[in-house]
Amino acid sequence: MANDKRFTFKYLGDFMEAINFTPKELRKTMWTAALILLLLIFAWKLPEIISAIK
């Protein structure tokens, strides 16, 4: 049981190296996802916004 953690972390490190995903790319991906979500919410609420303005 004691070697399970080392085994898991070893393969986690191999996986991270294999995908070569940097924190900068992660931040860019998260901001992109956040902007897409914001645009979807805005598009969903747009009829309410338009009717409130009239």
PDB file of N, CA and C in Angstrom:
ATOM      1  N   MET A   1       0.821  -1.203   0.000  1.00  0.00           N
ATOM      2  CA  MET A   1       0.000   0.000   0.000  1.00  0.00           C
ATOM      3  C   MET A   1       0.863   1.263   0.000  1.00  0.00           C
ATOM      4  N   ALA A   2       2.037   1.204   0.608  1.00  0.00           N
ATOM      5  CA  ALA A   2       2.871   2.400   0.733  1.00  0.00           C
ATOM      6  C   ALA A   2       3.375   2.872  -0.628  1.00  0.00           C
ATOM      7  N   ASN A   3       3.541   1.965  -1.571  1.00  0.00           N
ATOM      8  CA  ASN A   3       4.074   2.349  -2.872  1.00  0.00           C
ATOM      9  C   ASN A   3       3.004   2.885  -3.820  1.00  0.00           C
ATOM     10  N   ASP A   4       1.731   2.809  -3.434  1.00  0.00           N
ATOM     11  CA  ASP A   4       0.659   3.255  -4.317  1.00  0.00           C
ATOM     12  C   ASP A   4       0.777   4.728  -4.673  1.00  0.00           C
ATOM     13  N   LYS A   5       1.091   5.571  -3.674  1.00  0.00           N
ATOM     14  CA  LYS A   5       1.183   7.008  -3.937  1.00  0.00           C
ATOM     15  C   LYS A   5       2.325   7.307  -4.905  1.00  0.00           C
ATOM     16  N   ARG A   6       3.468   6.705  -4.677  1.00  0.00           N
ATOM     17  CA  ARG A   6       4.598   6.958  -5.573  1.00  0.00           C
ATOM     18  C   ARG A   6       4.270   6.503  -6.988  1.00  0.00           C
ATOM     19  N   PHE A   7       3.591   5.384  -7.094  1.00  0.00           N
ATOM     20  CA  PHE A   7       3.199   4.856  -8.400  1.00  0.00           C
ATOM     21  C   PHE A   7       2.274   5.849  -9.110  1.00  0.00           C
ATOM     22  N   THR A   8       1.283   6.347  -8.376  1.00  0.00           N
ATOM     23  CA  THR A   8       0.314   7.291  -8.944  1.00  0.00           C
ATOM     24  C   THR A   8       0.996   8.580  -9.365  1.00  0.00           C
ATOM     25  N   PHE A   9       1.838   9.136  -8.482  1.00  0.00           N
ATOM     26  CA  PHE A   9       2.510  10.397  -8.801  1.00  0.00           C
ATOM     27  C   PHE A   9       3.485  10.243  -9.960  1.00  0.00           C
ATOM     28  N   LYS A  10       4.110   9.075 -10.065  1.00  0.00           N
ATOM     29  CA  LYS A  10       5.025   8.838 -11.180  1.00  0.00           C
ATOM     30  C   LYS A  10       4.268   8.915 -12.497  1.00  0.00           C
ATOM     31  N   TYR A  11       3.113   8.266 -12.556  1.00  0.00           N
ATOM     32  CA  TYR A  11       2.345   8.286 -13.792  1.00  0.00           C
ATOM     33  C   TYR A  11       1.663   9.626 -14.032  1.00  0.00           C
ATOM     34  N   LEU A  12       1.332  10.346 -12.964  1.00  0.00           N
ATOM     35  CA  LEU A  12       0.792  11.691 -13.130  1.00  0.00           C
ATOM     36  C   LEU A  12       1.852  12.593 -13.770  1.00  0.00           C
ATOM     37  N   GLY A  13       3.090  12.491 -13.325  1.00  0.00           N
ATOM     38  CA  GLY A  13       4.183  13.263 -13.906  1.00  0.00           C
ATOM     39  C   GLY A  13       4.407  12.900 -15.362  1.00  0.00           C
ATOM     40  N   ASP A  14       4.364  11.620 -15.667  1.00  0.00           N
ATOM     41  CA  ASP A  14       4.519  11.183 -17.064  1.00  0.00           C
ATOM     42  C   ASP A  14       3.394  11.730 -17.930  1.00  0.00           C
ATOM     43  N   PHE A  15       2.176  11.729 -17.385  1.00  0.00           N
ATOM     44  CA  PHE A  15       1.038  12.242 -18.134  1.00  0.00           C
ATOM     45  C   PHE A  15       1.191  13.737 -18.395  1.00  0.00           C
ATOM     46  N   MET A  16       1.602  14.493 -17.373  1.00  0.00           N
ATOM     47  CA  MET A  16       1.764  15.940 -17.534  1.00  0.00           C
ATOM     48  C   MET A  16       2.855  16.247 -18.555  1.00  0.00           C
ATOM     49  N   GLU A  17       3.920  15.462 -18.560  1.00  0.00           N
ATOM     50  CA  GLU A  17       4.973  15.675 -19.548  1.00  0.00           C
ATOM     51  C   GLU A  17       4.488  15.290 -20.941  1.00  0.00           C
ATOM     52  N   ALA A  18       3.668  14.271 -21.026  1.00  0.00           N
ATOM     53  CA  ALA A  18       3.198  13.802 -22.328  1.00  0.00           C
ATOM     54  C   ALA A  18       2.301  14.842 -22.993  1.00  0.00           C
ATOM     55  N   ILE A  19       1.426  15.468 -22.207  1.00  0.00           N
ATOM     56  CA  ILE A  19       0.545  16.475 -22.806  1.00  0.00           C
ATOM     57  C   ILE A  19       1.225  17.830 -22.886  1.00  0.00           C
ATOM     58  N   ASN A  20       2.292  18.035 -22.119  1.00  0.00           N
ATOM     59  CA  ASN A  20       3.096  19.264 -22.141  1.00  0.00           C
ATOM     60  C   ASN A  20       2.202  20.490 -21.982  1.00  0.00           C
ATOM     61  N   PHE A  21       1.421  20.509 -20.909  1.00  0.00           N
ATOM     62  CA  PHE A  21       0.449  21.569 -20.660  1.00  0.00           C
ATOM     63  C   PHE A  21       1.014  22.509 -19.616  1.00  0.00           C
ATOM     64  N   THR A  22       1.271  23.751 -19.987  1.00  0.00           N
ATOM     65  CA  THR A  22       1.877  24.711 -19.064  1.00  0.00           C
ATOM     66  C   THR A  22       0.789  25.489 -18.327  1.00  0.00           C
ATOM     67  N   PRO A  23       1.122  26.067 -17.184  1.00  0.00           N
ATOM     68  CA  PRO A  23       0.133  26.889 -16.460  1.00  0.00           C
ATOM     69  C   PRO A  23      -0.380  28.060 -17.299  1.00  0.00           C
ATOM     70  N   LYS A  24       0.475  28.622 -18.142  1.00  0.00           N
ATOM     71  CA  LYS A  24       0.046  29.732 -19.006  1.00  0.00           C
ATOM     72  C   LYS A  24      -1.054  29.262 -19.959  1.00  0.00           C
ATOM     73  N   GLU A  25      -0.891  28.083 -20.538  1.00  0.00           N
ATOM     74  CA  GLU A  25      -1.912  27.541 -21.432  1.00  0.00           C
ATOM     75  C   GLU A  25      -3.194  27.240 -20.658  1.00  0.00           C
ATOM     76  N   LEU A  26      -3.047  26.767 -19.422  1.00  0.00           N
ATOM     77  CA  LEU A  26      -4.222  26.473 -18.601  1.00  0.00           C
ATOM     78  C   LEU A  26      -5.004  27.748 -18.323  1.00  0.00           C
ATOM     79  N   ARG A  27      -4.305  28.827 -17.969  1.00  0.00           N
ATOM     80  CA  ARG A  27      -4.980  30.098 -17.727  1.00  0.00           C
ATOM     81  C   ARG A  27      -5.695  30.586 -18.982  1.00  0.00           C
ATOM     82  N   LYS A  28      -5.034  30.472 -20.135  1.00  0.00           N
ATOM     83  CA  LYS A  28      -5.641  30.905 -21.392  1.00  0.00           C
ATOM     84  C   LYS A  28      -6.897  30.087 -21.685  1.00  0.00           C
ATOM     85  N   THR A  29      -6.824  28.783 -21.476  1.00  0.00           N
ATOM     86  CA  THR A  29      -7.973  27.912 -21.717  1.00  0.00           C
ATOM     87  C   THR A  29      -9.116  28.248 -20.768  1.00  0.00           C
ATOM     88  N   MET A  30      -8.814  28.505 -19.510  1.00  0.00           N
ATOM     89  CA  MET A  30      -9.868  28.824 -18.540  1.00  0.00           C
ATOM     90  C   MET A  30     -10.521  30.165 -18.858  1.00  0.00           C
ATOM     91  N   TRP A  31      -9.732  31.161 -19.261  1.00  0.00           N
ATOM     92  CA  TRP A  31     -10.320  32.455 -19.630  1.00  0.00           C
ATOM     93  C   TRP A  31     -11.191  32.312 -20.871  1.00  0.00           C
ATOM     94  N   THR A  32     -10.756  31.502 -21.822  1.00  0.00           N
ATOM     95  CA  THR A  32     -11.554  31.277 -23.025  1.00  0.00           C
ATOM     96  C   THR A  32     -12.885  30.628 -22.659  1.00  0.00           C
ATOM     97  N   ALA A  33     -12.845  29.636 -21.798  1.00  0.00           N
ATOM     98  CA  ALA A  33     -14.075  28.964 -21.360  1.00  0.00           C
ATOM     99  C   ALA A  33     -14.986  29.943 -20.619  1.00  0.00           C
ATOM    100  N   ALA A  34     -14.407  30.806 -19.794  1.00  0.00           N
ATOM    101  CA  ALA A  34     -15.196  31.782 -19.052  1.00  0.00           C
ATOM    102  C   ALA A  34     -15.864  32.780 -20.003  1.00  0.00           C
ATOM    103  N   LEU A  35     -15.143  33.225 -21.021  1.00  0.00           N
ATOM    104  CA  LEU A  35     -15.718  34.164 -21.986  1.00  0.00           C
ATOM    105  C   LEU A  35     -16.839  33.530 -22.802  1.00  0.00           C
ATOM    106  N   ILE A  36     -16.649  32.281 -23.197  1.00  0.00           N
ATOM    107  CA  ILE A  36     -17.702  31.572 -23.935  1.00  0.00           C
ATOM    108  C   ILE A  36     -18.951  31.440 -23.065  1.00  0.00           C
ATOM    109  N   LEU A  37     -18.760  31.090 -21.805  1.00  0.00           N
ATOM    110  CA  LEU A  37     -19.889  30.966 -20.880  1.00  0.00           C
ATOM    111  C   LEU A  37     -20.595  32.310 -20.708  1.00  0.00           C
ATOM    112  N   LEU A  38     -19.826  33.381 -20.586  1.00  0.00           N
ATOM    113  CA  LEU A  38     -20.409  34.722 -20.455  1.00  0.00           C
ATOM    114  C   LEU A  38     -21.225  35.087 -21.691  1.00  0.00           C
ATOM    115  N   LEU A  39     -20.713  34.793 -22.869  1.00  0.00           N
ATOM    116  CA  LEU A  39     -21.440  35.083 -24.105  1.00  0.00           C
ATOM    117  C   LEU A  39     -22.725  34.267 -24.206  1.00  0.00           C
ATOM    118  N   LEU A  40     -22.674  33.010 -23.785  1.00  0.00           N
ATOM    119  CA  LEU A  40     -23.884  32.177 -23.800  1.00  0.00           C
ATOM    120  C   LEU A  40     -24.950  32.722 -22.853  1.00  0.00           C
ATOM    121  N   ILE A  41     -24.530  33.154 -21.669  1.00  0.00           N
ATOM    122  CA  ILE A  41     -25.480  33.725 -20.711  1.00  0.00           C
ATOM    123  C   ILE A  41     -26.071  35.014 -21.268  1.00  0.00           C
ATOM    124  N   PHE A  42     -25.227  35.836 -21.865  1.00  0.00           N
ATOM    125  CA  PHE A  42     -25.702  37.088 -22.458  1.00  0.00           C
ATOM    126  C   PHE A  42     -26.707  36.822 -23.577  1.00  0.00           C
ATOM    127  N   ALA A  43     -26.409  35.853 -24.434  1.00  0.00           N
ATOM    128  CA  ALA A  43     -27.323  35.519 -25.526  1.00  0.00           C
ATOM    129  C   ALA A  43     -28.642  34.971 -24.979  1.00  0.00           C
ATOM    130  N   TRP A  44     -28.577  34.221 -23.882  1.00  0.00           N
ATOM    131  CA  TRP A  44     -29.781  33.651 -23.270  1.00  0.00           C
ATOM    132  C   TRP A  44     -30.666  34.751 -22.682  1.00  0.00           C
ATOM    133  N   LYS A  45     -30.036  35.788 -22.095  1.00  0.00           N
ATOM    134  CA  LYS A  45     -30.767  36.876 -21.437  1.00  0.00           C
ATOM    135  C   LYS A  45     -31.098  38.029 -22.375  1.00  0.00           C
ATOM    136  N   LEU A  46     -30.618  38.010 -23.594  1.00  0.00           N
ATOM    137  CA  LEU A  46     -30.794  39.122 -24.512  1.00  0.00           C
ATOM    138  C   LEU A  46     -32.258  39.508 -24.740  1.00  0.00           C
ATOM    139  N   PRO A  47     -33.182  38.564 -24.957  1.00  0.00           N
ATOM    140  CA  PRO A  47     -34.601  38.981 -25.127  1.00  0.00           C
ATOM    141  C   PRO A  47     -35.148  39.737 -23.910  1.00  0.00           C
ATOM    142  N   GLU A  48     -34.764  39.315 -22.702  1.00  0.00           N
ATOM    143  CA  GLU A  48     -35.215  40.018 -21.494  1.00  0.00           C
ATOM    144  C   GLU A  48     -34.638  41.426 -21.456  1.00  0.00           C
ATOM    145  N   ILE A  49     -33.389  41.569 -21.823  1.00  0.00           N
ATOM    146  CA  ILE A  49     -32.734  42.877 -21.818  1.00  0.00           C
ATOM    147  C   ILE A  49     -33.411  43.812 -22.817  1.00  0.00           C
ATOM    148  N   ILE A  50     -33.701  43.282 -23.999  1.00  0.00           N
ATOM    149  CA  ILE A  50     -34.340  44.091 -25.040  1.00  0.00           C
ATOM    150  C   ILE A  50     -35.747  44.511 -24.599  1.00  0.00           C
ATOM    151  N   SER A  51     -36.504  43.603 -24.024  1.00  0.00           N
ATOM    152  CA  SER A  51     -37.860  43.940 -23.598  1.00  0.00           C
ATOM    153  C   SER A  51     -37.838  44.927 -22.425  1.00  0.00           C
ATOM    154  N   ALA A  52     -36.825  44.888 -21.597  1.00  0.00           N
ATOM    155  CA  ALA A  52     -36.713  45.829 -20.479  1.00  0.00           C
ATOM    156  C   ALA A  52     -36.394  47.231 -20.977  1.00  0.00           C
ATOM    157  N   ILE A  53     -35.655  47.319 -22.072  1.00  0.00           N
ATOM    158  CA  ILE A  53     -35.294  48.634 -22.625  1.00  0.00           C
ATOM    159  C   ILE A  53     -36.512  49.293 -23.272  1.00  0.00           C
ATOM    160  N   LYS A  54     -37.360  48.492 -23.898  1.00  0.00           N
ATOM    161  CA  LYS A  54     -38.544  49.061 -24.579  1.00  0.00           C
ATOM    162  C   LYS A  54     -39.508  49.561 -23.597  1.00  0.00           C
TER     163      LYS A  54
END
